N, C-alpha and C. Protein backbone atom coordinates (compact mmCIF):
# COMPACT_ATOMS: atom_id res chain seq x y z
N MET A 1 283.13 294.05 67.94
CA MET A 1 283.78 295.32 67.60
C MET A 1 283.11 296.47 68.34
N LYS A 2 283.90 297.41 68.81
CA LYS A 2 283.37 298.58 69.50
C LYS A 2 282.49 299.39 68.55
N LYS A 3 281.38 299.90 69.06
CA LYS A 3 280.46 300.68 68.24
C LYS A 3 281.13 301.96 67.77
N ILE A 4 281.00 302.24 66.48
CA ILE A 4 281.65 303.41 65.89
C ILE A 4 280.86 304.68 66.20
N ASN A 5 281.56 305.72 66.59
CA ASN A 5 280.96 307.03 66.82
C ASN A 5 281.16 307.88 65.56
N TYR A 6 280.07 308.17 64.87
CA TYR A 6 280.14 308.91 63.60
C TYR A 6 279.95 310.41 63.79
N GLU A 7 279.94 310.89 65.02
CA GLU A 7 279.62 312.29 65.28
C GLU A 7 280.54 313.25 64.53
N ASN A 8 281.82 312.93 64.43
CA ASN A 8 282.78 313.81 63.76
C ASN A 8 283.31 313.21 62.45
N TYR A 9 282.55 312.32 61.88
CA TYR A 9 282.96 311.62 60.66
C TYR A 9 282.66 312.49 59.44
N TYR A 10 283.69 312.81 58.67
CA TYR A 10 283.50 313.70 57.51
C TYR A 10 282.56 313.10 56.48
N TRP A 11 282.68 311.78 56.25
CA TRP A 11 282.01 311.13 55.13
C TRP A 11 280.55 310.80 55.43
N GLN A 12 279.84 311.74 56.01
CA GLN A 12 278.44 311.52 56.37
C GLN A 12 277.73 312.86 56.43
N ASN A 13 276.44 312.86 56.06
CA ASN A 13 275.61 314.04 56.28
C ASN A 13 274.24 313.57 56.77
N ASP A 14 273.21 314.36 56.56
CA ASP A 14 271.90 314.04 57.13
C ASP A 14 271.22 312.86 56.45
N LEU A 15 271.71 312.44 55.28
CA LEU A 15 271.04 311.37 54.54
C LEU A 15 271.89 310.13 54.31
N VAL A 16 273.19 310.32 54.06
CA VAL A 16 274.02 309.18 53.65
C VAL A 16 275.35 309.15 54.39
N ARG A 17 275.96 307.98 54.30
CA ARG A 17 277.31 307.77 54.83
C ARG A 17 278.10 307.04 53.75
N LEU A 18 279.34 307.48 53.51
CA LEU A 18 280.19 306.83 52.51
C LEU A 18 281.20 305.92 53.22
N ARG A 19 281.53 304.83 52.56
CA ARG A 19 282.54 303.90 53.08
C ARG A 19 283.28 303.28 51.91
N ALA A 20 284.36 302.58 52.22
CA ALA A 20 285.09 301.83 51.19
C ALA A 20 284.26 300.65 50.71
N LEU A 21 284.48 300.25 49.47
CA LEU A 21 283.82 299.05 48.96
C LEU A 21 284.30 297.82 49.71
N LYS A 22 283.41 296.85 49.87
CA LYS A 22 283.74 295.56 50.44
C LYS A 22 283.55 294.48 49.37
N GLU A 23 284.22 293.35 49.54
CA GLU A 23 284.12 292.27 48.57
C GLU A 23 282.67 291.87 48.31
N GLU A 24 281.86 291.83 49.38
CA GLU A 24 280.48 291.36 49.23
C GLU A 24 279.57 292.35 48.50
N ASP A 25 280.04 293.57 48.26
CA ASP A 25 279.21 294.55 47.55
C ASP A 25 278.98 294.18 46.09
N TRP A 26 279.74 293.23 45.57
CA TRP A 26 279.60 292.85 44.16
C TRP A 26 278.18 292.37 43.85
N GLU A 27 277.52 291.76 44.83
CA GLU A 27 276.19 291.21 44.59
C GLU A 27 275.18 292.31 44.25
N GLU A 28 275.29 293.44 44.95
CA GLU A 28 274.39 294.56 44.67
C GLU A 28 274.65 295.11 43.28
N SER A 29 275.91 295.22 42.90
CA SER A 29 276.25 295.68 41.56
C SER A 29 275.73 294.72 40.50
N TYR A 30 275.88 293.44 40.75
CA TYR A 30 275.39 292.42 39.81
C TYR A 30 273.88 292.55 39.63
N TYR A 31 273.17 292.71 40.72
CA TYR A 31 271.72 292.86 40.68
C TYR A 31 271.33 294.10 39.87
N ASN A 32 272.03 295.21 40.08
CA ASN A 32 271.70 296.46 39.39
C ASN A 32 271.96 296.39 37.89
N GLN A 33 272.83 295.50 37.45
CA GLN A 33 273.14 295.41 36.03
C GLN A 33 272.01 294.80 35.21
N PHE A 34 270.97 294.30 35.87
CA PHE A 34 269.80 293.80 35.16
C PHE A 34 268.79 294.91 34.88
N ASP A 35 269.07 296.12 35.36
CA ASP A 35 268.25 297.29 35.04
C ASP A 35 268.86 297.95 33.81
N SER A 36 268.54 297.41 32.65
CA SER A 36 269.19 297.83 31.40
C SER A 36 268.97 299.31 31.10
N LYS A 37 267.78 299.82 31.39
CA LYS A 37 267.50 301.23 31.11
C LYS A 37 268.44 302.14 31.89
N ALA A 38 268.62 301.83 33.18
CA ALA A 38 269.51 302.64 34.01
C ALA A 38 270.96 302.49 33.57
N ARG A 39 271.35 301.29 33.15
CA ARG A 39 272.73 301.07 32.72
C ARG A 39 273.04 301.82 31.43
N VAL A 40 272.08 301.94 30.53
CA VAL A 40 272.30 302.73 29.31
C VAL A 40 272.53 304.19 29.66
N MET A 41 271.79 304.69 30.65
CA MET A 41 271.97 306.09 31.04
C MET A 41 273.32 306.31 31.71
N LEU A 42 273.88 305.25 32.29
CA LEU A 42 275.19 305.35 32.94
C LEU A 42 276.32 305.14 31.94
N GLN A 43 276.22 304.11 31.11
CA GLN A 43 277.32 303.70 30.23
C GLN A 43 277.17 304.20 28.79
N TYR A 44 275.99 304.74 28.44
CA TYR A 44 275.72 305.25 27.10
C TYR A 44 275.72 304.15 26.04
N GLU A 45 275.47 302.92 26.45
CA GLU A 45 275.36 301.82 25.50
C GLU A 45 274.63 300.66 26.16
N LEU A 46 274.09 299.79 25.33
CA LEU A 46 273.45 298.58 25.84
C LEU A 46 274.52 297.52 26.08
N GLU A 47 274.66 297.10 27.32
CA GLU A 47 275.69 296.13 27.68
C GLU A 47 275.23 294.71 27.40
N LEU A 48 276.18 293.81 27.25
CA LEU A 48 275.88 292.40 27.16
C LEU A 48 275.39 291.90 28.51
N PRO A 49 274.71 290.75 28.56
CA PRO A 49 274.23 290.24 29.85
C PRO A 49 275.36 290.14 30.87
N PRO A 50 275.08 290.50 32.12
CA PRO A 50 276.14 290.49 33.15
C PRO A 50 276.67 289.10 33.44
N VAL A 51 277.95 289.02 33.77
CA VAL A 51 278.62 287.77 34.11
C VAL A 51 279.12 287.87 35.54
N GLU A 52 278.70 286.95 36.39
CA GLU A 52 279.04 287.02 37.81
C GLU A 52 280.54 287.16 38.04
N GLU A 53 281.32 286.33 37.36
CA GLU A 53 282.77 286.33 37.59
C GLU A 53 283.39 287.67 37.24
N LYS A 54 282.92 288.30 36.16
CA LYS A 54 283.47 289.58 35.74
C LYS A 54 283.10 290.69 36.73
N VAL A 55 281.88 290.64 37.23
CA VAL A 55 281.47 291.64 38.21
C VAL A 55 282.29 291.50 39.49
N LYS A 56 282.48 290.26 39.95
CA LYS A 56 283.30 290.01 41.14
C LYS A 56 284.72 290.52 40.94
N GLU A 57 285.29 290.22 39.78
CA GLU A 57 286.67 290.63 39.49
C GLU A 57 286.79 292.14 39.45
N SER A 58 285.82 292.80 38.82
CA SER A 58 285.84 294.26 38.72
C SER A 58 285.76 294.90 40.10
N TYR A 59 284.86 294.40 40.94
CA TYR A 59 284.72 294.95 42.27
C TYR A 59 285.96 294.72 43.12
N SER A 60 286.53 293.55 42.97
CA SER A 60 287.70 293.21 43.77
C SER A 60 288.85 294.20 43.54
N ALA A 61 288.96 294.70 42.30
CA ALA A 61 290.05 295.62 41.96
C ALA A 61 289.94 296.94 42.71
N PHE A 62 288.72 297.30 43.14
CA PHE A 62 288.52 298.61 43.76
C PHE A 62 288.24 298.55 45.26
N VAL A 63 288.21 297.36 45.82
CA VAL A 63 287.95 297.21 47.25
C VAL A 63 289.06 297.87 48.07
N GLY A 64 288.68 298.63 49.07
CA GLY A 64 289.66 299.20 49.99
C GLY A 64 290.57 300.26 49.40
N PHE A 65 290.11 300.95 48.34
CA PHE A 65 290.88 302.05 47.73
C PHE A 65 292.27 301.59 47.31
N LYS A 66 292.34 300.47 46.59
CA LYS A 66 293.63 299.96 46.13
C LYS A 66 294.29 300.97 45.21
N PRO A 67 295.60 301.20 45.34
CA PRO A 67 296.29 302.17 44.49
C PRO A 67 296.42 301.66 43.06
N GLY A 68 296.60 302.62 42.14
CA GLY A 68 296.85 302.28 40.75
C GLY A 68 295.63 302.01 39.92
N THR A 69 294.43 302.22 40.47
CA THR A 69 293.21 301.95 39.70
C THR A 69 292.73 303.16 38.92
N GLY A 70 293.23 304.36 39.28
CA GLY A 70 292.80 305.57 38.58
C GLY A 70 291.49 306.14 39.09
N ARG A 71 290.91 305.52 40.11
CA ARG A 71 289.66 306.05 40.67
C ARG A 71 289.50 305.63 42.12
N LEU A 72 288.74 306.43 42.85
CA LEU A 72 288.40 306.11 44.24
C LEU A 72 286.94 305.68 44.27
N MET A 73 286.69 304.43 44.64
CA MET A 73 285.35 303.86 44.63
C MET A 73 284.77 303.84 46.04
N PHE A 74 283.54 304.32 46.18
CA PHE A 74 282.85 304.38 47.46
C PHE A 74 281.52 303.62 47.39
N ALA A 75 281.15 303.04 48.51
CA ALA A 75 279.78 302.56 48.68
C ALA A 75 278.99 303.66 49.36
N ILE A 76 277.72 303.81 48.99
CA ILE A 76 276.82 304.78 49.61
C ILE A 76 275.81 304.02 50.46
N GLU A 77 275.71 304.38 51.73
CA GLU A 77 274.73 303.78 52.63
C GLU A 77 273.81 304.87 53.17
N ASN A 78 272.56 304.50 53.47
CA ASN A 78 271.74 305.42 54.24
C ASN A 78 272.16 305.32 55.70
N LEU A 79 271.60 306.12 56.56
CA LEU A 79 272.07 306.16 57.95
C LEU A 79 271.64 304.94 58.75
N GLU A 80 270.82 304.07 58.14
CA GLU A 80 270.49 302.79 58.76
C GLU A 80 271.48 301.70 58.36
N GLY A 81 272.47 302.08 57.53
CA GLY A 81 273.50 301.13 57.12
C GLY A 81 273.13 300.30 55.91
N GLU A 82 272.06 300.68 55.20
CA GLU A 82 271.64 299.94 54.01
C GLU A 82 272.38 300.46 52.78
N PHE A 83 272.93 299.54 51.98
CA PHE A 83 273.62 299.89 50.74
C PHE A 83 272.60 300.46 49.77
N VAL A 84 272.84 301.69 49.30
CA VAL A 84 271.89 302.33 48.39
C VAL A 84 272.51 302.69 47.05
N GLY A 85 273.82 302.53 46.90
CA GLY A 85 274.46 302.85 45.63
C GLY A 85 275.96 302.88 45.77
N SER A 86 276.62 303.18 44.67
CA SER A 86 278.08 303.30 44.68
C SER A 86 278.48 304.40 43.70
N PHE A 87 279.63 305.01 43.95
CA PHE A 87 280.12 306.00 43.00
C PHE A 87 281.62 306.17 43.17
N ASN A 88 282.20 306.95 42.26
CA ASN A 88 283.66 307.04 42.25
C ASN A 88 284.13 308.40 41.76
N LEU A 89 285.30 308.76 42.26
CA LEU A 89 286.02 309.94 41.80
C LEU A 89 287.01 309.46 40.75
N ASN A 90 286.93 310.00 39.53
CA ASN A 90 287.76 309.50 38.44
C ASN A 90 288.23 310.62 37.52
N SER A 91 289.05 310.25 36.54
CA SER A 91 289.56 311.18 35.52
C SER A 91 290.23 312.40 36.15
N ILE A 92 290.96 312.17 37.23
CA ILE A 92 291.62 313.28 37.94
C ILE A 92 292.81 313.79 37.15
N ASP A 93 292.80 315.06 36.84
CA ASP A 93 293.90 315.73 36.14
C ASP A 93 294.49 316.74 37.13
N GLU A 94 295.57 316.35 37.78
CA GLU A 94 296.16 317.20 38.81
C GLU A 94 296.68 318.53 38.24
N LYS A 95 297.21 318.51 37.02
CA LYS A 95 297.75 319.73 36.42
C LYS A 95 296.67 320.78 36.21
N ASN A 96 295.55 320.37 35.63
CA ASN A 96 294.49 321.31 35.31
C ASN A 96 293.39 321.37 36.37
N GLY A 97 293.48 320.50 37.35
CA GLY A 97 292.53 320.54 38.45
C GLY A 97 291.14 320.07 38.10
N THR A 98 291.00 319.17 37.13
CA THR A 98 289.69 318.70 36.70
C THR A 98 289.46 317.25 37.14
N PHE A 99 288.20 316.87 37.19
CA PHE A 99 287.84 315.51 37.60
C PHE A 99 286.41 315.21 37.18
N SER A 100 286.04 313.94 37.30
CA SER A 100 284.66 313.51 37.04
C SER A 100 284.21 312.58 38.16
N ILE A 101 282.92 312.31 38.18
CA ILE A 101 282.33 311.40 39.16
C ILE A 101 281.35 310.50 38.44
N GLY A 102 281.42 309.20 38.72
CA GLY A 102 280.46 308.24 38.17
C GLY A 102 279.61 307.68 39.31
N MET A 103 278.32 307.45 39.04
CA MET A 103 277.42 307.01 40.11
C MET A 103 276.38 306.03 39.60
N GLN A 104 276.06 305.04 40.41
CA GLN A 104 274.95 304.11 40.15
C GLN A 104 274.16 303.95 41.45
N MET A 105 272.93 304.44 41.46
CA MET A 105 272.07 304.24 42.61
C MET A 105 271.33 302.92 42.43
N SER A 106 271.12 302.22 43.52
CA SER A 106 270.51 300.90 43.48
C SER A 106 269.02 300.97 43.11
N VAL A 107 268.52 299.88 42.54
CA VAL A 107 267.10 299.77 42.22
C VAL A 107 266.29 299.94 43.50
N GLY A 108 265.28 300.80 43.43
CA GLY A 108 264.43 301.05 44.59
C GLY A 108 264.94 302.14 45.51
N GLN A 109 266.12 302.70 45.22
CA GLN A 109 266.71 303.72 46.09
C GLN A 109 266.81 305.08 45.39
N ARG A 110 266.31 305.18 44.19
CA ARG A 110 266.42 306.43 43.44
C ARG A 110 265.29 307.38 43.82
N GLY A 111 265.54 308.67 43.63
CA GLY A 111 264.54 309.67 43.92
C GLY A 111 264.35 309.98 45.39
N LYS A 112 265.29 309.55 46.23
CA LYS A 112 265.20 309.78 47.68
C LYS A 112 266.19 310.83 48.17
N GLY A 113 266.97 311.39 47.25
CA GLY A 113 267.95 312.41 47.63
C GLY A 113 269.31 311.86 48.00
N TYR A 114 269.47 310.54 47.97
CA TYR A 114 270.74 309.94 48.36
C TYR A 114 271.88 310.34 47.42
N GLY A 115 271.61 310.35 46.13
CA GLY A 115 272.64 310.68 45.15
C GLY A 115 273.14 312.11 45.32
N THR A 116 272.22 313.04 45.48
CA THR A 116 272.59 314.44 45.67
C THR A 116 273.40 314.61 46.95
N ALA A 117 272.96 313.96 48.03
CA ALA A 117 273.66 314.07 49.31
C ALA A 117 275.08 313.51 49.22
N ALA A 118 275.23 312.38 48.52
CA ALA A 118 276.56 311.78 48.35
C ALA A 118 277.46 312.67 47.50
N MET A 119 276.91 313.25 46.45
CA MET A 119 277.68 314.13 45.57
C MET A 119 278.22 315.33 46.35
N ARG A 120 277.45 315.89 47.25
CA ARG A 120 277.90 317.06 48.01
C ARG A 120 279.10 316.71 48.87
N ILE A 121 279.11 315.50 49.43
CA ILE A 121 280.25 315.08 50.24
C ILE A 121 281.50 314.93 49.39
N LEU A 122 281.38 314.21 48.27
CA LEU A 122 282.55 313.93 47.45
C LEU A 122 283.07 315.17 46.74
N LEU A 123 282.17 316.04 46.31
CA LEU A 123 282.62 317.30 45.70
C LEU A 123 283.40 318.14 46.70
N GLY A 124 282.92 318.18 47.94
CA GLY A 124 283.65 318.92 48.97
C GLY A 124 285.05 318.36 49.17
N TYR A 125 285.17 317.05 49.16
CA TYR A 125 286.48 316.41 49.31
C TYR A 125 287.39 316.78 48.13
N ALA A 126 286.84 316.70 46.92
CA ALA A 126 287.64 317.00 45.73
C ALA A 126 288.13 318.44 45.72
N PHE A 127 287.27 319.37 46.09
CA PHE A 127 287.62 320.79 46.04
C PHE A 127 288.51 321.23 47.21
N PHE A 128 288.23 320.72 48.40
CA PHE A 128 288.88 321.26 49.59
C PHE A 128 290.00 320.39 50.15
N GLU A 129 290.09 319.14 49.73
CA GLU A 129 291.19 318.28 50.18
C GLU A 129 292.15 317.94 49.04
N ARG A 130 291.63 317.69 47.86
CA ARG A 130 292.46 317.32 46.73
C ARG A 130 292.92 318.53 45.92
N ARG A 131 292.43 319.72 46.28
CA ARG A 131 292.81 320.97 45.63
C ARG A 131 292.45 320.97 44.14
N LEU A 132 291.38 320.30 43.79
CA LEU A 132 290.89 320.30 42.41
C LEU A 132 289.96 321.51 42.23
N ASN A 133 289.71 321.86 40.96
CA ASN A 133 289.01 323.12 40.71
C ASN A 133 287.76 322.99 39.85
N LYS A 134 287.63 321.91 39.08
CA LYS A 134 286.52 321.86 38.12
C LYS A 134 286.02 320.43 37.94
N TYR A 135 284.73 320.25 38.19
CA TYR A 135 284.07 318.97 37.91
C TYR A 135 283.48 319.03 36.52
N ASN A 136 283.72 318.01 35.71
CA ASN A 136 283.13 317.88 34.39
C ASN A 136 282.28 316.62 34.33
N GLY A 137 281.04 316.77 33.86
CA GLY A 137 280.15 315.62 33.75
C GLY A 137 279.26 315.75 32.54
N SER A 138 278.54 314.69 32.24
CA SER A 138 277.60 314.71 31.13
C SER A 138 276.49 313.70 31.38
N VAL A 139 275.35 313.90 30.70
CA VAL A 139 274.24 312.96 30.77
C VAL A 139 273.71 312.74 29.37
N ILE A 140 273.18 311.56 29.13
CA ILE A 140 272.49 311.29 27.87
C ILE A 140 271.18 312.09 27.89
N GLN A 141 270.69 312.51 26.76
CA GLN A 141 269.65 313.55 26.70
C GLN A 141 268.37 313.23 27.47
N TRP A 142 268.02 311.97 27.65
CA TRP A 142 266.77 311.68 28.35
C TRP A 142 266.97 311.38 29.84
N ASN A 143 268.19 311.55 30.34
CA ASN A 143 268.45 311.25 31.75
C ASN A 143 268.11 312.47 32.61
N VAL A 144 266.81 312.67 32.80
CA VAL A 144 266.32 313.84 33.53
C VAL A 144 266.74 313.78 35.00
N GLY A 145 266.72 312.59 35.59
CA GLY A 145 267.05 312.44 37.00
C GLY A 145 268.46 312.91 37.32
N SER A 146 269.44 312.45 36.53
CA SER A 146 270.83 312.86 36.77
C SER A 146 271.04 314.33 36.47
N ALA A 147 270.38 314.84 35.43
CA ALA A 147 270.50 316.26 35.11
C ALA A 147 269.97 317.12 36.26
N THR A 148 268.86 316.70 36.84
CA THR A 148 268.28 317.42 37.98
C THR A 148 269.22 317.40 39.17
N MET A 149 269.83 316.24 39.44
CA MET A 149 270.77 316.12 40.55
C MET A 149 271.97 317.04 40.36
N LEU A 150 272.52 317.08 39.14
CA LEU A 150 273.68 317.93 38.88
C LEU A 150 273.35 319.40 39.09
N LYS A 151 272.17 319.80 38.70
CA LYS A 151 271.76 321.19 38.92
C LYS A 151 271.59 321.49 40.40
N LYS A 152 271.13 320.52 41.16
CA LYS A 152 270.95 320.73 42.60
C LYS A 152 272.27 320.98 43.32
N VAL A 153 273.36 320.36 42.84
CA VAL A 153 274.65 320.58 43.50
C VAL A 153 275.37 321.80 42.93
N GLY A 154 274.74 322.49 41.97
CA GLY A 154 275.29 323.75 41.47
C GLY A 154 275.85 323.71 40.07
N CYS A 155 275.78 322.56 39.40
CA CYS A 155 276.35 322.45 38.05
C CYS A 155 275.59 323.32 37.05
N LYS A 156 276.34 323.78 36.06
CA LYS A 156 275.75 324.57 34.98
C LYS A 156 275.90 323.83 33.66
N GLN A 157 274.87 323.91 32.83
CA GLN A 157 274.98 323.29 31.51
C GLN A 157 275.95 324.10 30.67
N GLU A 158 276.94 323.41 30.09
CA GLU A 158 277.98 324.09 29.34
C GLU A 158 277.92 323.85 27.84
N GLY A 159 277.11 322.91 27.43
CA GLY A 159 277.02 322.66 25.99
C GLY A 159 276.30 321.37 25.69
N ILE A 160 276.15 321.11 24.39
CA ILE A 160 275.51 319.89 23.91
C ILE A 160 276.35 319.30 22.79
N ARG A 161 276.72 318.04 22.94
CA ARG A 161 277.32 317.30 21.83
C ARG A 161 276.18 316.64 21.08
N ARG A 162 275.79 317.25 19.97
CA ARG A 162 274.62 316.79 19.24
C ARG A 162 274.86 315.43 18.58
N GLN A 163 273.87 314.55 18.77
CA GLN A 163 273.89 313.22 18.15
C GLN A 163 275.24 312.52 18.37
N ASN A 164 275.73 312.60 19.59
CA ASN A 164 277.06 312.08 19.91
C ASN A 164 277.03 310.64 20.39
N ILE A 165 275.84 310.12 20.70
CA ILE A 165 275.70 308.77 21.25
C ILE A 165 274.71 308.00 20.40
N TYR A 166 275.06 306.77 20.09
CA TYR A 166 274.15 305.91 19.33
C TYR A 166 273.70 304.75 20.21
N THR A 167 272.40 304.66 20.45
CA THR A 167 271.85 303.55 21.23
C THR A 167 270.37 303.39 20.91
N ASP A 168 269.89 302.16 20.98
CA ASP A 168 268.49 301.85 20.72
C ASP A 168 268.03 302.34 19.35
N GLY A 169 268.95 302.29 18.38
CA GLY A 169 268.60 302.64 17.00
C GLY A 169 268.55 304.12 16.70
N HIS A 170 269.04 304.96 17.63
CA HIS A 170 268.96 306.40 17.43
C HIS A 170 270.28 307.07 17.81
N TYR A 171 270.57 308.20 17.15
CA TYR A 171 271.63 309.09 17.59
C TYR A 171 271.02 310.10 18.55
N VAL A 172 271.59 310.23 19.73
CA VAL A 172 271.03 311.14 20.73
C VAL A 172 272.12 312.08 21.24
N ASP A 173 271.68 313.16 21.87
CA ASP A 173 272.61 314.19 22.34
C ASP A 173 273.23 313.82 23.69
N GLU A 174 274.43 314.35 23.91
CA GLU A 174 275.10 314.27 25.20
C GLU A 174 275.15 315.68 25.78
N ILE A 175 274.55 315.87 26.95
CA ILE A 175 274.47 317.19 27.57
C ILE A 175 275.64 317.35 28.54
N LEU A 176 276.42 318.41 28.37
CA LEU A 176 277.62 318.64 29.17
C LEU A 176 277.34 319.57 30.34
N TYR A 177 277.85 319.18 31.52
CA TYR A 177 277.70 320.00 32.72
C TYR A 177 279.06 320.25 33.35
N GLY A 178 279.19 321.39 34.04
CA GLY A 178 280.43 321.71 34.73
C GLY A 178 280.15 322.40 36.05
N LEU A 179 281.11 322.26 36.97
CA LEU A 179 280.98 322.89 38.28
C LEU A 179 282.37 323.30 38.76
N THR A 180 282.58 324.61 38.94
CA THR A 180 283.85 325.08 39.49
C THR A 180 283.76 325.09 41.02
N LYS A 181 284.92 325.23 41.64
CA LYS A 181 284.95 325.32 43.10
C LYS A 181 284.11 326.51 43.57
N GLU A 182 284.22 327.64 42.86
CA GLU A 182 283.47 328.83 43.24
C GLU A 182 281.96 328.59 43.10
N ASP A 183 281.56 327.88 42.04
CA ASP A 183 280.14 327.54 41.86
C ASP A 183 279.65 326.71 43.04
N PHE A 184 280.45 325.73 43.42
CA PHE A 184 280.08 324.82 44.50
C PHE A 184 279.91 325.57 45.82
N ILE A 185 280.86 326.46 46.13
CA ILE A 185 280.79 327.24 47.36
C ILE A 185 279.53 328.10 47.38
N ALA A 186 279.24 328.76 46.26
CA ALA A 186 278.06 329.62 46.19
C ALA A 186 276.78 328.82 46.37
N ASN A 187 276.72 327.63 45.77
CA ASN A 187 275.53 326.80 45.88
C ASN A 187 275.36 326.26 47.30
N GLU A 188 276.47 325.87 47.94
CA GLU A 188 276.40 325.36 49.31
C GLU A 188 275.93 326.46 50.26
N GLU A 189 276.41 327.68 50.05
CA GLU A 189 275.98 328.79 50.90
C GLU A 189 274.48 329.03 50.74
N LYS A 190 273.99 328.93 49.51
CA LYS A 190 272.56 329.11 49.26
C LYS A 190 271.75 328.00 49.93
N LEU A 191 272.20 326.76 49.80
CA LEU A 191 271.51 325.64 50.42
C LEU A 191 271.50 325.75 51.94
N ASN A 192 272.64 326.15 52.50
CA ASN A 192 272.72 326.28 53.96
C ASN A 192 271.81 327.38 54.48
N ARG A 193 271.71 328.49 53.75
CA ARG A 193 270.81 329.56 54.15
C ARG A 193 269.37 329.08 54.13
N TYR A 194 269.03 328.31 53.08
CA TYR A 194 267.66 327.80 52.96
C TYR A 194 267.36 326.82 54.09
N THR A 195 268.33 325.97 54.41
CA THR A 195 268.14 324.98 55.48
C THR A 195 267.94 325.67 56.82
N GLU A 196 268.74 326.70 57.09
CA GLU A 196 268.60 327.43 58.34
C GLU A 196 267.24 328.09 58.45
N LYS A 197 266.79 328.73 57.35
CA LYS A 197 265.47 329.39 57.34
C LYS A 197 264.37 328.35 57.56
N GLU A 198 264.52 327.19 56.89
CA GLU A 198 263.52 326.13 57.01
C GLU A 198 263.38 325.68 58.46
N HIS A 199 264.52 325.53 59.14
CA HIS A 199 264.49 325.09 60.53
C HIS A 199 263.80 326.14 61.41
N VAL A 200 264.07 327.42 61.15
CA VAL A 200 263.44 328.49 61.92
C VAL A 200 261.94 328.47 61.72
N ASP A 201 261.52 328.37 60.44
CA ASP A 201 260.06 328.37 60.16
C ASP A 201 259.36 327.20 60.83
N LEU A 202 260.00 326.04 60.81
CA LEU A 202 259.39 324.85 61.39
C LEU A 202 259.28 324.98 62.90
N GLY A 203 260.17 325.80 63.49
CA GLY A 203 260.17 325.92 64.93
C GLY A 203 259.18 326.95 65.46
N GLU A 204 258.63 327.74 64.55
CA GLU A 204 257.72 328.80 65.01
C GLU A 204 256.32 328.26 65.31
């Protein structure tokens, strides 16, 4: 196959590249499901032990952006082509312009900025191509990593559903976050100004 030129590829930035899911990506998802702590922070419940056939079947439904699934599923790669996570655009309400995003970063790939970089790409697509206006998300109260990532892309805390989730023998809070198109634009402008200044300082 001819080598792909990513120079003008929208679905890429300085850290990550997004692509469609492939059938073989199920193995990475299966492996990640053994990280029970991370799965509770994603699903808000303790899941039963993973079943290979079910994971394969679930992934197969979303391979290649198949229509009728209600979500757009992406694989996240670093610029070396290594699979580092997956996420999806979901809960799209065309009338009210709202949507959500779900994400699972792979074991050993967290804390490297990949999630934040991927979110910036997909949020831009949702706001500027899909004409959506408001991202709605939430985190379980102890999920500091995801809360930090949401703040980095410009999200604002909008409320707390107190004791809304029951897991590990406790009722815990669900923290609500939101991001409007205007919020996103303002945050991107701030980040771009900082990046430009950083480059100038490094060059002096």
